[in-house]
C-alpha atoms as a PDB file:
ATOM      1  CA  MET A   1      32.185  -0.535  12.604  1.00  0.00           C
ATOM      2  CA  ALA A   2      30.504   1.215  15.518  1.00  0.00           C
ATOM      3  CA  ILE A   3      27.327   3.167  14.812  1.00  0.00           C
ATOM      4  CA  SER A   4      28.947   6.389  16.063  1.00  0.00           C
ATOM      5  CA  GLN A   5      31.791   6.026  13.537  1.00  0.00           C
ATOM      6  CA  TRP A   6      29.274   5.271  10.793  1.00  0.00           C
ATOM      7  CA  LEU A   7      27.303   8.419  11.617  1.00  0.00           C
ATOM      8  CA  LYS A   8      30.436  10.587  11.470  1.00  0.00           C
ATOM      9  CA  GLY A   9      30.952   9.552   7.841  1.00  0.00           C
ATOM     10  CA  PHE A  10      27.858  11.356   6.516  1.00  0.00           C
ATOM     11  CA  ALA A  11      27.779  14.931   5.234  1.00  0.00           C
ATOM     12  CA  LYS A  12      25.752  17.029   7.672  1.00  0.00           C
ATOM     13  CA  PRO A  13      22.884  17.630   8.085  1.00  0.00           C
ATOM     14  CA  VAL A  14      21.614  14.109   7.543  1.00  0.00           C
ATOM     15  CA  ALA A  15      18.415  12.233   8.365  1.00  0.00           C
ATOM     16  CA  ILE A  16      18.485   8.553   9.260  1.00  0.00           C
ATOM     17  CA  VAL A  17      15.073   6.897   8.897  1.00  0.00           C
ATOM     18  CA  LEU A  18      14.660   3.948  11.241  1.00  0.00           C
ATOM     19  CA  PHE A  19      11.756   1.597  11.652  1.00  0.00           C
ATOM     20  CA  THR A  20      12.053   0.382  15.243  1.00  0.00           C
ATOM     21  CA  ASP A  21      12.136   2.339  18.473  1.00  0.00           C
ATOM     22  CA  GLU A  22      15.038   0.286  19.780  1.00  0.00           C
ATOM     23  CA  ARG A  23      17.227   1.103  16.756  1.00  0.00           C
ATOM     24  CA  THR A  24      16.255   4.769  17.003  1.00  0.00           C
ATOM     25  CA  GLN A  25      17.432   4.806  20.614  1.00  0.00           C
ATOM     26  CA  GLN A  26      20.721   3.135  19.629  1.00  0.00           C
ATOM     27  CA  VAL A  27      21.351   5.732  16.925  1.00  0.00           C
ATOM     28  CA  SER A  28      20.466   8.548  19.327  1.00  0.00           C
ATOM     29  CA  VAL A  29      23.024   7.253  21.847  1.00  0.00           C
ATOM     30  CA  ALA A  30      25.609   6.789  19.084  1.00  0.00           C
ATOM     31  CA  ALA A  31      25.012  10.374  17.942  1.00  0.00           C
ATOM     32  CA  SER A  32      25.760  11.558  21.454  1.00  0.00           C
ATOM     33  CA  ILE A  33      28.976   9.520  21.523  1.00  0.00           C
ATOM     34  CA  ALA A  34      29.925  10.966  18.117  1.00  0.00           C
ATOM     35  CA  LYS A  35      29.185  14.458  19.472  1.00  0.00           C
ATOM     36  CA  LEU A  36      26.560  15.113  16.802  1.00  0.00           C
ATOM     37  CA  ILE A  37      23.898  17.668  17.608  1.00  0.00           C
ATOM     38  CA  VAL A  38      20.372  16.297  17.202  1.00  0.00           C
ATOM     39  CA  PRO A  39      18.360  17.660  15.354  1.00  0.00           C
ATOM     40  CA  TYR A  40      20.765  20.157  13.758  1.00  0.00           C
ATOM     41  CA  GLN A  41      23.368  17.742  12.410  1.00  0.00           C
ATOM     42  CA  LEU A  42      21.388  14.524  12.629  1.00  0.00           C
ATOM     43  CA  ILE A  43      17.643  14.082  12.267  1.00  0.00           C
ATOM     44  CA  VAL A  44      16.330  10.838  13.763  1.00  0.00           C
ATOM     45  CA  PRO A  45      12.603  10.481  13.188  1.00  0.00           C
ATOM     46  CA  LEU A  46      10.723   8.027  15.357  1.00  0.00           C
ATOM     47  CA  ILE A  47       8.272   5.982  13.296  1.00  0.00           C
ATOM     48  CA  ASP A  48       7.015   3.364  15.774  1.00  0.00           C
ATOM     49  CA  ASN A  49       5.558   6.141  17.955  1.00  0.00           C
ATOM     50  CA  GLU A  50       6.352   4.568  21.319  1.00  0.00           C
ATOM     51  CA  ALA A  51       6.408   7.378  23.906  1.00  0.00           C
ATOM     52  CA  PHE A  52       8.522   5.315  26.327  1.00  0.00           C
ATOM     53  CA  PHE A  53      11.449   5.238  23.891  1.00  0.00           C
ATOM     54  CA  CYS A  54      11.070   8.939  23.104  1.00  0.00           C
ATOM     55  CA  LYS A  55      11.784   9.733  26.735  1.00  0.00           C
ATOM     56  CA  LEU A  56      14.775   7.376  26.927  1.00  0.00           C
ATOM     57  CA  CYS A  57      16.648   9.212  24.197  1.00  0.00           C
ATOM     58  CA  SER A  58      18.756  12.280  24.801  1.00  0.00           C
ATOM     59  CA  PRO A  59      17.672  14.704  23.572  1.00  0.00           C
ATOM     60  CA  PHE A  60      14.089  13.523  23.849  1.00  0.00           C
ATOM     61  CA  LEU A  61      12.616  12.509  20.535  1.00  0.00           C
ATOM     62  CA  SER A  62       9.203  13.668  19.486  1.00  0.00           C
ATOM     63  CA  CYS A  63       6.505  11.060  19.030  1.00  0.00           C
ATOM     64  CA  LYS A  64       3.497  11.928  17.021  1.00  0.00           C
ATOM     65  CA  GLU A  65       1.388   9.808  14.808  1.00  0.00           C
ATOM     66  CA  ASN A  66       1.502  10.723  11.135  1.00  0.00           C
ATOM     67  CA  SER A  67       1.099   8.865   7.942  1.00  0.00           C
ATOM     68  CA  VAL A  68       4.486   7.782   6.614  1.00  0.00           C
ATOM     69  CA  GLN A  69       3.773   9.529   3.314  1.00  0.00           C
ATOM     70  CA  GLN A  70       3.015  12.839   5.022  1.00  0.00           C
ATOM     71  CA  TRP A  71       6.081  12.500   7.236  1.00  0.00           C
ATOM     72  CA  GLY A  72       8.313  11.847   4.199  1.00  0.00           C
ATOM     73  CA  TYR A  73       6.890  14.831   2.343  1.00  0.00           C
ATOM     74  CA  THR A  74       7.440  17.105   5.339  1.00  0.00           C
ATOM     75  CA  ALA A  75      10.987  15.795   5.926  1.00  0.00           C
ATOM     76  CA  ALA A  76      11.856  16.442   2.274  1.00  0.00           C
ATOM     77  CA  ILE A  77      10.659  20.031   2.552  1.00  0.00           C
ATOM     78  CA  ILE A  78      12.685  20.625   5.735  1.00  0.00           C
ATOM     79  CA  LEU A  79      15.838  19.061   4.284  1.00  0.00           C
ATOM     80  CA  THR A  80      15.453  21.069   1.068  1.00  0.00           C
ATOM     81  CA  GLU A  81      15.227  24.276   3.092  1.00  0.00           C
ATOM     82  CA  MET A  82      18.341  23.294   5.088  1.00  0.00           C
ATOM     83  CA  ILE A  83      20.336  22.724   1.906  1.00  0.00           C
END
């Protein structure tokens, strides 16, 4: 199954947590193919913090260094507010 088809199967909004920049870029491209609007329908956080990959994605992804625990806490708050 293609990543774009896989992404279409989730209830929106959804966050996909990925642990490599390369996979994050692949999901970002697949979201574009699936016509999903990042970050409104799909949230793709970038954990590796590699600025080069942030700029390759469309739309650009934000890269900022945070502790994973703090990032998870903040993401949970945002998702709770969206629901």
